[in-house]
Amino acid sequence: MSEKLFTVGKIVNTHGIRGEVKVVPHTDFADQRFAAKSKLYLVTEKGGKMDVTVEASRFHKNMYVLKFKELHGINEVEKYKGSLLKITADLQEELPENEYYFHEIIGCKVMTDEDPAEELGTISEILTPGANDVWVVKTPQGKEVLLPAIPDVVLDVDKEAKLVRVHLMEGLL
């Protein structure tokens, strides 16, 4: 499995006896990812990988109930509880300007807009508490700085160079 896969959902349980599974979406594009005829990779907790095709899909109680063409009956799908549903990079949606996938941001070096620019650290994770995302920056000293991902703070993102330029508003440090 040399190509990078991106998680779009997690199978949390079975549904009924006809081989349907309950999936918690891990994507903003769930309607497209889980639409009929969509191709996905089912990756087990032990690392096994299987190609699956969505036969039917419906939204039910904050989850998707999916039926795969390759799996029939509760006995076949039971062993896939806890497995992840993934896609390849070429299937990712093109995002509008100034929007990024988490994997494009995590690992970026963060520089301040001061003169001279100062390295703040590296983005280690992204939190999604509500109104806006919060980027967790790990400093060289091992401390964590929380930066709100808002236009007043995040000035420029260079995905190719893995570099983010930020303005530190009063009280952020």
N, C-alpha and C. Protein backbone atom coordinates (compact mmCIF):
# COMPACT_ATOMS: atom_id res chain seq x y z
N MET A 1 0.85 -1.18 0.00
CA MET A 1 0.00 0.00 0.00
C MET A 1 0.89 1.23 0.00
N SER A 2 1.43 1.57 -1.16
CA SER A 2 2.37 2.67 -1.25
C SER A 2 1.68 4.02 -1.32
N GLU A 3 0.47 4.10 -1.90
CA GLU A 3 -0.19 5.39 -1.99
C GLU A 3 -0.86 5.76 -0.66
N LYS A 4 -0.90 7.06 -0.39
CA LYS A 4 -1.46 7.55 0.86
C LYS A 4 -2.98 7.52 0.79
N LEU A 5 -3.59 7.00 1.86
CA LEU A 5 -5.05 6.94 1.95
C LEU A 5 -5.53 7.91 3.01
N PHE A 6 -6.74 8.44 2.78
CA PHE A 6 -7.32 9.41 3.71
C PHE A 6 -8.65 8.88 4.23
N THR A 7 -8.82 8.93 5.55
CA THR A 7 -10.01 8.39 6.19
C THR A 7 -11.22 9.29 5.93
N VAL A 8 -12.34 8.65 5.52
CA VAL A 8 -13.58 9.39 5.30
C VAL A 8 -14.70 8.90 6.22
N GLY A 9 -14.48 7.79 6.94
CA GLY A 9 -15.49 7.28 7.85
C GLY A 9 -15.00 6.09 8.63
N LYS A 10 -15.75 5.75 9.68
CA LYS A 10 -15.42 4.60 10.51
C LYS A 10 -16.67 3.75 10.71
N ILE A 11 -16.53 2.45 10.50
CA ILE A 11 -17.65 1.52 10.73
C ILE A 11 -17.74 1.28 12.23
N VAL A 12 -18.88 1.64 12.81
CA VAL A 12 -19.03 1.51 14.26
C VAL A 12 -19.93 0.35 14.68
N ASN A 13 -20.75 -0.15 13.74
CA ASN A 13 -21.64 -1.26 14.10
C ASN A 13 -22.31 -1.80 12.84
N THR A 14 -23.00 -2.90 13.03
CA THR A 14 -23.83 -3.45 11.96
C THR A 14 -25.22 -2.85 12.09
N HIS A 15 -26.05 -3.03 11.04
CA HIS A 15 -27.42 -2.54 11.07
C HIS A 15 -28.31 -3.60 10.41
N GLY A 16 -29.11 -4.25 11.18
CA GLY A 16 -29.99 -5.28 10.64
C GLY A 16 -29.23 -6.54 10.29
N ILE A 17 -29.88 -7.43 9.50
CA ILE A 17 -29.26 -8.71 9.17
C ILE A 17 -28.86 -8.82 7.71
N ARG A 18 -29.09 -7.78 6.92
CA ARG A 18 -28.83 -7.85 5.48
C ARG A 18 -27.43 -7.39 5.08
N GLY A 19 -26.55 -7.14 6.06
CA GLY A 19 -25.18 -6.75 5.74
C GLY A 19 -24.94 -5.26 5.70
N GLU A 20 -25.82 -4.47 6.29
CA GLU A 20 -25.61 -3.03 6.34
C GLU A 20 -24.72 -2.69 7.54
N VAL A 21 -23.99 -1.57 7.41
CA VAL A 21 -23.13 -1.12 8.51
C VAL A 21 -23.44 0.34 8.83
N LYS A 22 -23.21 0.72 10.09
CA LYS A 22 -23.35 2.11 10.51
C LYS A 22 -21.97 2.75 10.44
N VAL A 23 -21.92 3.92 9.80
CA VAL A 23 -20.65 4.60 9.58
C VAL A 23 -20.72 6.02 10.13
N VAL A 24 -19.74 6.37 10.96
CA VAL A 24 -19.60 7.75 11.43
C VAL A 24 -18.71 8.46 10.41
N PRO A 25 -19.23 9.52 9.77
CA PRO A 25 -18.43 10.21 8.75
C PRO A 25 -17.27 11.00 9.35
N HIS A 26 -16.14 11.00 8.66
CA HIS A 26 -14.97 11.79 9.03
C HIS A 26 -14.61 12.70 7.85
N THR A 27 -15.61 13.25 7.20
CA THR A 27 -15.39 14.07 6.02
C THR A 27 -16.49 15.12 5.91
N ASP A 28 -16.15 16.23 5.28
CA ASP A 28 -17.16 17.26 5.00
C ASP A 28 -17.96 16.94 3.76
N PHE A 29 -17.55 15.91 3.01
CA PHE A 29 -18.19 15.56 1.76
C PHE A 29 -18.85 14.18 1.85
N ALA A 30 -19.52 13.92 2.96
CA ALA A 30 -20.11 12.59 3.21
C ALA A 30 -21.13 12.19 2.15
N ASP A 31 -21.95 13.11 1.68
CA ASP A 31 -22.95 12.77 0.67
C ASP A 31 -22.31 12.22 -0.60
N GLN A 32 -21.17 12.78 -0.99
CA GLN A 32 -20.47 12.29 -2.18
C GLN A 32 -19.71 11.00 -1.88
N ARG A 33 -19.04 10.94 -0.75
CA ARG A 33 -18.23 9.77 -0.40
C ARG A 33 -19.06 8.50 -0.28
N PHE A 34 -20.26 8.62 0.30
CA PHE A 34 -21.07 7.45 0.59
C PHE A 34 -22.23 7.28 -0.39
N ALA A 35 -22.19 7.97 -1.50
CA ALA A 35 -23.24 7.84 -2.51
C ALA A 35 -23.13 6.47 -3.18
N ALA A 36 -24.25 6.00 -3.73
CA ALA A 36 -24.25 4.72 -4.44
C ALA A 36 -23.19 4.73 -5.54
N LYS A 37 -22.53 3.63 -5.72
CA LYS A 37 -21.46 3.39 -6.71
C LYS A 37 -20.12 4.01 -6.33
N SER A 38 -20.01 4.61 -5.14
CA SER A 38 -18.73 5.16 -4.69
C SER A 38 -17.77 4.03 -4.37
N LYS A 39 -16.52 4.21 -4.77
CA LYS A 39 -15.46 3.23 -4.49
C LYS A 39 -14.69 3.68 -3.25
N LEU A 40 -14.53 2.76 -2.31
CA LEU A 40 -13.81 3.05 -1.07
C LEU A 40 -12.86 1.90 -0.75
N TYR A 41 -11.93 2.16 0.14
CA TYR A 41 -11.09 1.10 0.69
C TYR A 41 -11.55 0.85 2.12
N LEU A 42 -11.79 -0.40 2.45
CA LEU A 42 -12.13 -0.78 3.81
C LEU A 42 -10.83 -1.28 4.43
N VAL A 43 -10.34 -0.57 5.46
CA VAL A 43 -9.08 -0.91 6.10
C VAL A 43 -9.38 -1.40 7.51
N THR A 44 -9.03 -2.66 7.78
CA THR A 44 -9.33 -3.27 9.08
C THR A 44 -8.35 -2.78 10.14
N GLU A 45 -8.69 -3.04 11.39
CA GLU A 45 -7.83 -2.64 12.50
C GLU A 45 -6.48 -3.35 12.44
N LYS A 46 -6.44 -4.53 11.81
CA LYS A 46 -5.19 -5.29 11.70
C LYS A 46 -4.39 -4.88 10.46
N GLY A 47 -4.91 -3.94 9.68
CA GLY A 47 -4.18 -3.43 8.52
C GLY A 47 -4.57 -4.04 7.19
N GLY A 48 -5.52 -4.98 7.19
CA GLY A 48 -5.98 -5.54 5.93
C GLY A 48 -6.73 -4.51 5.12
N LYS A 49 -6.68 -4.62 3.79
CA LYS A 49 -7.32 -3.63 2.93
C LYS A 49 -8.16 -4.34 1.88
N MET A 50 -9.37 -3.81 1.66
CA MET A 50 -10.29 -4.42 0.71
C MET A 50 -11.02 -3.32 -0.06
N ASP A 51 -11.14 -3.48 -1.38
CA ASP A 51 -11.92 -2.54 -2.18
C ASP A 51 -13.40 -2.83 -1.99
N VAL A 52 -14.20 -1.79 -1.75
CA VAL A 52 -15.65 -1.96 -1.63
C VAL A 52 -16.35 -0.90 -2.46
N THR A 53 -17.56 -1.21 -2.88
CA THR A 53 -18.40 -0.29 -3.64
C THR A 53 -19.71 -0.12 -2.89
N VAL A 54 -20.11 1.13 -2.70
CA VAL A 54 -21.36 1.41 -2.00
C VAL A 54 -22.52 1.03 -2.91
N GLU A 55 -23.38 0.14 -2.41
CA GLU A 55 -24.56 -0.26 -3.16
C GLU A 55 -25.74 0.64 -2.81
N ALA A 56 -25.88 0.94 -1.52
CA ALA A 56 -26.96 1.80 -1.04
C ALA A 56 -26.49 2.56 0.18
N SER A 57 -27.07 3.75 0.39
CA SER A 57 -26.66 4.61 1.49
C SER A 57 -27.84 5.46 1.95
N ARG A 58 -27.90 5.67 3.25
CA ARG A 58 -28.90 6.61 3.78
C ARG A 58 -28.39 7.20 5.09
N PHE A 59 -28.81 8.42 5.37
CA PHE A 59 -28.43 9.11 6.61
C PHE A 59 -29.45 8.76 7.67
N HIS A 60 -28.98 8.32 8.84
CA HIS A 60 -29.89 7.88 9.91
C HIS A 60 -29.24 8.16 11.26
N LYS A 61 -29.85 9.04 12.05
CA LYS A 61 -29.39 9.36 13.40
C LYS A 61 -27.90 9.76 13.44
N ASN A 62 -27.53 10.79 12.69
CA ASN A 62 -26.18 11.33 12.65
C ASN A 62 -25.12 10.38 12.11
N MET A 63 -25.54 9.30 11.47
CA MET A 63 -24.62 8.34 10.86
C MET A 63 -25.14 7.98 9.49
N TYR A 64 -24.29 7.31 8.74
CA TYR A 64 -24.71 6.76 7.46
C TYR A 64 -24.85 5.26 7.60
N VAL A 65 -25.90 4.72 7.02
CA VAL A 65 -26.09 3.27 6.95
C VAL A 65 -25.74 2.88 5.51
N LEU A 66 -24.68 2.06 5.38
CA LEU A 66 -24.20 1.69 4.05
C LEU A 66 -24.36 0.20 3.81
N LYS A 67 -24.61 -0.14 2.56
CA LYS A 67 -24.63 -1.53 2.10
C LYS A 67 -23.60 -1.60 0.99
N PHE A 68 -22.66 -2.55 1.12
CA PHE A 68 -21.62 -2.73 0.11
C PHE A 68 -21.97 -3.88 -0.81
N LYS A 69 -21.64 -3.74 -2.10
CA LYS A 69 -21.92 -4.80 -3.08
C LYS A 69 -21.17 -6.08 -2.76
N GLU A 70 -19.99 -5.96 -2.18
CA GLU A 70 -19.13 -7.11 -1.94
C GLU A 70 -19.47 -7.90 -0.67
N LEU A 71 -20.27 -7.33 0.22
CA LEU A 71 -20.57 -7.98 1.50
C LEU A 71 -22.06 -8.24 1.64
N HIS A 72 -22.41 -9.48 2.02
CA HIS A 72 -23.81 -9.87 2.11
C HIS A 72 -24.08 -10.51 3.47
N GLY A 73 -25.01 -9.97 4.21
CA GLY A 73 -25.42 -10.57 5.47
C GLY A 73 -24.59 -10.12 6.67
N ILE A 74 -25.22 -10.21 7.82
CA ILE A 74 -24.60 -9.75 9.07
C ILE A 74 -23.33 -10.53 9.39
N ASN A 75 -23.28 -11.81 9.04
CA ASN A 75 -22.11 -12.62 9.36
C ASN A 75 -20.86 -12.14 8.62
N GLU A 76 -21.02 -11.61 7.43
CA GLU A 76 -19.87 -11.11 6.66
C GLU A 76 -19.39 -9.74 7.14
N VAL A 77 -20.30 -8.88 7.59
CA VAL A 77 -19.90 -7.52 7.98
C VAL A 77 -19.53 -7.39 9.44
N GLU A 78 -19.92 -8.32 10.26
CA GLU A 78 -19.66 -8.28 11.71
C GLU A 78 -18.18 -8.06 12.01
N LYS A 79 -17.32 -8.75 11.29
CA LYS A 79 -15.87 -8.68 11.57
C LYS A 79 -15.25 -7.34 11.18
N TYR A 80 -16.00 -6.47 10.49
CA TYR A 80 -15.44 -5.19 10.05
C TYR A 80 -15.79 -4.03 10.99
N LYS A 81 -16.41 -4.31 12.14
CA LYS A 81 -16.67 -3.26 13.13
C LYS A 81 -15.33 -2.66 13.54
N GLY A 82 -15.25 -1.34 13.59
CA GLY A 82 -14.02 -0.66 13.96
C GLY A 82 -13.11 -0.36 12.78
N SER A 83 -13.44 -0.87 11.61
CA SER A 83 -12.63 -0.62 10.41
C SER A 83 -12.86 0.79 9.89
N LEU A 84 -11.88 1.28 9.14
CA LEU A 84 -11.96 2.62 8.57
C LEU A 84 -12.28 2.54 7.08
N LEU A 85 -13.00 3.53 6.59
CA LEU A 85 -13.26 3.67 5.16
C LEU A 85 -12.36 4.80 4.66
N LYS A 86 -11.61 4.52 3.59
CA LYS A 86 -10.61 5.48 3.11
C LYS A 86 -10.72 5.69 1.61
N ILE A 87 -10.11 6.78 1.16
CA ILE A 87 -10.02 7.10 -0.28
C ILE A 87 -8.58 7.46 -0.60
N THR A 88 -8.26 7.47 -1.89
CA THR A 88 -6.93 7.90 -2.33
C THR A 88 -6.94 9.42 -2.53
N ALA A 89 -5.77 10.01 -2.60
CA ALA A 89 -5.63 11.46 -2.73
C ALA A 89 -6.31 12.00 -3.99
N ASP A 90 -6.28 11.23 -5.08
CA ASP A 90 -6.88 11.72 -6.32
C ASP A 90 -8.40 11.84 -6.25
N LEU A 91 -9.02 11.22 -5.25
CA LEU A 91 -10.48 11.32 -5.09
C LEU A 91 -10.89 12.47 -4.18
N GLN A 92 -9.92 13.17 -3.59
CA GLN A 92 -10.26 14.29 -2.73
C GLN A 92 -10.86 15.43 -3.54
N GLU A 93 -11.82 16.11 -2.94
CA GLU A 93 -12.46 17.25 -3.59
C GLU A 93 -11.49 18.42 -3.67
N GLU A 94 -11.59 19.21 -4.71
CA GLU A 94 -10.82 20.44 -4.84
C GLU A 94 -11.45 21.46 -3.90
N LEU A 95 -10.66 22.07 -3.03
CA LEU A 95 -11.18 23.02 -2.06
C LEU A 95 -11.10 24.45 -2.59
N PRO A 96 -12.01 25.31 -2.12
CA PRO A 96 -11.93 26.73 -2.52
C PRO A 96 -10.64 27.36 -1.99
N GLU A 97 -10.32 28.55 -2.51
CA GLU A 97 -9.12 29.26 -2.06
C GLU A 97 -9.20 29.52 -0.56
N ASN A 98 -8.06 29.44 0.12
CA ASN A 98 -7.93 29.66 1.56
C ASN A 98 -8.65 28.62 2.41
N GLU A 99 -8.89 27.44 1.85
CA GLU A 99 -9.38 26.30 2.63
C GLU A 99 -8.42 25.16 2.40
N TYR A 100 -8.18 24.38 3.48
CA TYR A 100 -7.14 23.35 3.42
C TYR A 100 -7.60 22.09 4.11
N TYR A 101 -7.08 20.96 3.65
CA TYR A 101 -7.27 19.71 4.36
C TYR A 101 -6.33 19.70 5.56
N PHE A 102 -6.74 19.00 6.63
CA PHE A 102 -5.91 18.94 7.84
C PHE A 102 -4.50 18.44 7.52
N HIS A 103 -4.40 17.40 6.68
CA HIS A 103 -3.09 16.83 6.40
C HIS A 103 -2.17 17.81 5.67
N GLU A 104 -2.73 18.84 5.03
CA GLU A 104 -1.92 19.85 4.36
C GLU A 104 -1.35 20.86 5.36
N ILE A 105 -2.02 21.03 6.50
CA ILE A 105 -1.64 22.04 7.49
C ILE A 105 -0.73 21.44 8.57
N ILE A 106 -1.06 20.24 9.02
CA ILE A 106 -0.27 19.61 10.08
C ILE A 106 1.15 19.37 9.56
N GLY A 107 2.12 19.81 10.36
CA GLY A 107 3.53 19.68 9.97
C GLY A 107 4.11 20.96 9.39
N CYS A 108 3.26 21.97 9.13
CA CYS A 108 3.76 23.24 8.60
C CYS A 108 4.52 24.01 9.68
N LYS A 109 5.58 24.70 9.25
CA LYS A 109 6.34 25.57 10.14
C LYS A 109 5.59 26.89 10.23
N VAL A 110 5.50 27.46 11.43
CA VAL A 110 4.77 28.71 11.65
C VAL A 110 5.76 29.84 11.94
N MET A 111 5.67 30.91 11.13
CA MET A 111 6.52 32.09 11.28
C MET A 111 5.64 33.30 11.60
N THR A 112 6.16 34.20 12.44
CA THR A 112 5.43 35.43 12.77
C THR A 112 5.62 36.44 11.64
N ASP A 113 4.78 37.48 11.63
CA ASP A 113 4.88 38.52 10.61
C ASP A 113 5.76 39.67 11.05
N GLU A 114 6.42 39.52 12.20
CA GLU A 114 7.30 40.58 12.71
C GLU A 114 8.52 40.72 11.82
N ASP A 115 9.25 41.83 11.98
CA ASP A 115 10.47 42.04 11.22
C ASP A 115 11.63 42.09 12.20
N PRO A 116 12.53 41.17 12.29
CA PRO A 116 12.61 39.97 11.45
C PRO A 116 11.60 38.91 11.91
N ALA A 117 11.20 38.04 10.97
CA ALA A 117 10.25 36.97 11.27
C ALA A 117 10.87 36.00 12.27
N GLU A 118 10.03 35.52 13.17
CA GLU A 118 10.48 34.61 14.21
C GLU A 118 9.74 33.28 14.04
N GLU A 119 10.47 32.17 14.18
CA GLU A 119 9.82 30.86 14.08
C GLU A 119 9.10 30.56 15.38
N LEU A 120 7.80 30.30 15.28
CA LEU A 120 6.99 30.00 16.45
C LEU A 120 7.01 28.51 16.77
N GLY A 121 7.03 27.67 15.74
CA GLY A 121 7.03 26.22 15.95
C GLY A 121 6.40 25.52 14.76
N THR A 122 5.87 24.31 15.01
CA THR A 122 5.28 23.48 13.97
C THR A 122 3.86 23.11 14.37
N ILE A 123 2.94 23.13 13.42
CA ILE A 123 1.55 22.75 13.70
C ILE A 123 1.49 21.25 13.94
N SER A 124 1.03 20.85 15.12
CA SER A 124 1.01 19.44 15.49
C SER A 124 -0.38 18.82 15.42
N GLU A 125 -1.42 19.64 15.57
CA GLU A 125 -2.79 19.12 15.46
C GLU A 125 -3.75 20.26 15.23
N ILE A 126 -4.98 19.91 14.84
CA ILE A 126 -6.01 20.91 14.61
C ILE A 126 -7.24 20.53 15.43
N LEU A 127 -7.70 21.48 16.22
CA LEU A 127 -8.89 21.27 17.05
C LEU A 127 -10.08 21.93 16.36
N THR A 128 -11.26 21.35 16.51
CA THR A 128 -12.47 21.91 15.91
C THR A 128 -13.54 22.14 16.98
N PRO A 129 -13.32 23.15 17.85
CA PRO A 129 -14.24 23.35 18.97
C PRO A 129 -15.57 24.01 18.62
N GLY A 130 -15.66 24.69 17.48
CA GLY A 130 -16.93 25.34 17.16
C GLY A 130 -16.82 26.33 16.05
N ALA A 131 -16.86 27.63 16.39
CA ALA A 131 -16.93 28.70 15.39
C ALA A 131 -15.78 28.66 14.39
N ASN A 132 -14.58 28.37 14.85
CA ASN A 132 -13.42 28.27 13.95
C ASN A 132 -12.47 27.21 14.47
N ASP A 133 -11.64 26.71 13.56
CA ASP A 133 -10.63 25.73 13.96
C ASP A 133 -9.55 26.41 14.79
N VAL A 134 -8.86 25.61 15.58
CA VAL A 134 -7.73 26.09 16.37
C VAL A 134 -6.53 25.23 16.02
N TRP A 135 -5.44 25.88 15.59
CA TRP A 135 -4.23 25.17 15.23
C TRP A 135 -3.30 25.11 16.43
N VAL A 136 -2.88 23.91 16.79
CA VAL A 136 -1.98 23.71 17.93
C VAL A 136 -0.55 23.74 17.39
N VAL A 137 0.23 24.72 17.86
CA VAL A 137 1.62 24.89 17.42
C VAL A 137 2.54 24.43 18.54
N LYS A 138 3.40 23.48 18.23
CA LYS A 138 4.38 22.96 19.20
C LYS A 138 5.65 23.78 19.03
N THR A 139 6.06 24.50 20.09
CA THR A 139 7.26 25.33 20.03
C THR A 139 8.50 24.45 20.20
N PRO A 140 9.68 24.98 19.81
CA PRO A 140 10.92 24.22 20.00
C PRO A 140 11.18 23.89 21.48
N GLN A 141 10.61 24.68 22.39
CA GLN A 141 10.76 24.43 23.82
C GLN A 141 9.79 23.36 24.33
N GLY A 142 8.91 22.87 23.45
CA GLY A 142 7.97 21.82 23.83
C GLY A 142 6.62 22.33 24.33
N LYS A 143 6.43 23.64 24.34
CA LYS A 143 5.15 24.20 24.77
C LYS A 143 4.18 24.20 23.60
N GLU A 144 2.88 24.34 23.91
CA GLU A 144 1.86 24.40 22.88
C GLU A 144 1.24 25.79 22.85
N VAL A 145 1.11 26.34 21.64
CA VAL A 145 0.45 27.63 21.44
C VAL A 145 -0.80 27.35 20.62
N LEU A 146 -1.94 27.88 21.07
CA LEU A 146 -3.21 27.69 20.36
C LEU A 146 -3.49 28.93 19.51
N LEU A 147 -3.57 28.72 18.19
CA LEU A 147 -3.84 29.82 17.26
C LEU A 147 -5.20 29.64 16.62
N PRO A 148 -6.10 30.62 16.77
CA PRO A 148 -7.38 30.52 16.06
C PRO A 148 -7.16 30.67 14.56
N ALA A 149 -7.76 29.81 13.77
CA ALA A 149 -7.60 29.86 12.32
C ALA A 149 -8.59 30.88 11.74
N ILE A 150 -8.28 32.16 11.97
CA ILE A 150 -9.12 33.25 11.49
C ILE A 150 -8.24 34.18 10.64
N PRO A 151 -8.83 34.93 9.71
CA PRO A 151 -8.04 35.80 8.82
C PRO A 151 -7.17 36.82 9.54
N ASP A 152 -7.58 37.30 10.72
CA ASP A 152 -6.76 38.27 11.46
C ASP A 152 -5.47 37.66 11.98
N VAL A 153 -5.44 36.34 12.16
CA VAL A 153 -4.26 35.66 12.71
C VAL A 153 -3.47 34.97 11.60
N VAL A 154 -4.13 34.15 10.80
CA VAL A 154 -3.46 33.40 9.73
C VAL A 154 -3.40 34.29 8.49
N LEU A 155 -2.19 34.76 8.17
CA LEU A 155 -2.03 35.70 7.06
C LEU A 155 -1.77 35.00 5.73
N ASP A 156 -0.96 33.93 5.76
CA ASP A 156 -0.58 33.28 4.52
C ASP A 156 -0.25 31.82 4.78
N VAL A 157 -0.71 30.94 3.88
CA VAL A 157 -0.39 29.52 3.97
C VAL A 157 0.22 29.10 2.64
N ASP A 158 1.45 28.57 2.71
CA ASP A 158 2.14 28.05 1.54
C ASP A 158 2.23 26.54 1.71
N LYS A 159 1.28 25.81 1.08
CA LYS A 159 1.21 24.35 1.24
C LYS A 159 2.46 23.67 0.71
N GLU A 160 2.98 24.16 -0.43
CA GLU A 160 4.14 23.51 -1.04
C GLU A 160 5.38 23.65 -0.16
N ALA A 161 5.60 24.85 0.39
CA ALA A 161 6.77 25.09 1.24
C ALA A 161 6.52 24.66 2.69
N LYS A 162 5.28 24.24 3.00
CA LYS A 162 4.89 23.85 4.37
C LYS A 162 5.21 24.99 5.35
N LEU A 163 4.76 26.21 4.99
CA LEU A 163 5.06 27.39 5.78
C LEU A 163 3.79 28.22 5.98
N VAL A 164 3.55 28.64 7.22
CA VAL A 164 2.39 29.46 7.56
C VAL A 164 2.91 30.75 8.21
N ARG A 165 2.40 31.89 7.74
CA ARG A 165 2.77 33.18 8.33
C ARG A 165 1.58 33.68 9.13
N VAL A 166 1.83 34.05 10.40
CA VAL A 166 0.75 34.46 11.31
C VAL A 166 1.04 35.81 11.94
N HIS A 167 -0.03 36.48 12.35
CA HIS A 167 0.07 37.70 13.13
C HIS A 167 -0.38 37.35 14.55
N LEU A 168 0.52 37.60 15.51
CA LEU A 168 0.20 37.28 16.90
C LEU A 168 -0.54 38.45 17.53
N MET A 169 -1.84 38.27 17.71
CA MET A 169 -2.66 39.30 18.34
C MET A 169 -2.31 39.34 19.83
N GLU A 170 -2.57 40.45 20.44
CA GLU A 170 -2.27 40.60 21.86
C GLU A 170 -3.01 39.53 22.67
N GLY A 171 -2.29 38.87 23.55
CA GLY A 171 -2.89 37.86 24.43
C GLY A 171 -2.84 36.44 23.91
N LEU A 172 -2.33 36.22 22.70
CA LEU A 172 -2.27 34.86 22.16
C LEU A 172 -1.16 34.02 22.80
N LEU A 173 -0.08 34.66 23.20
CA LEU A 173 1.03 33.89 23.79
C LEU A 173 0.94 33.87 25.30
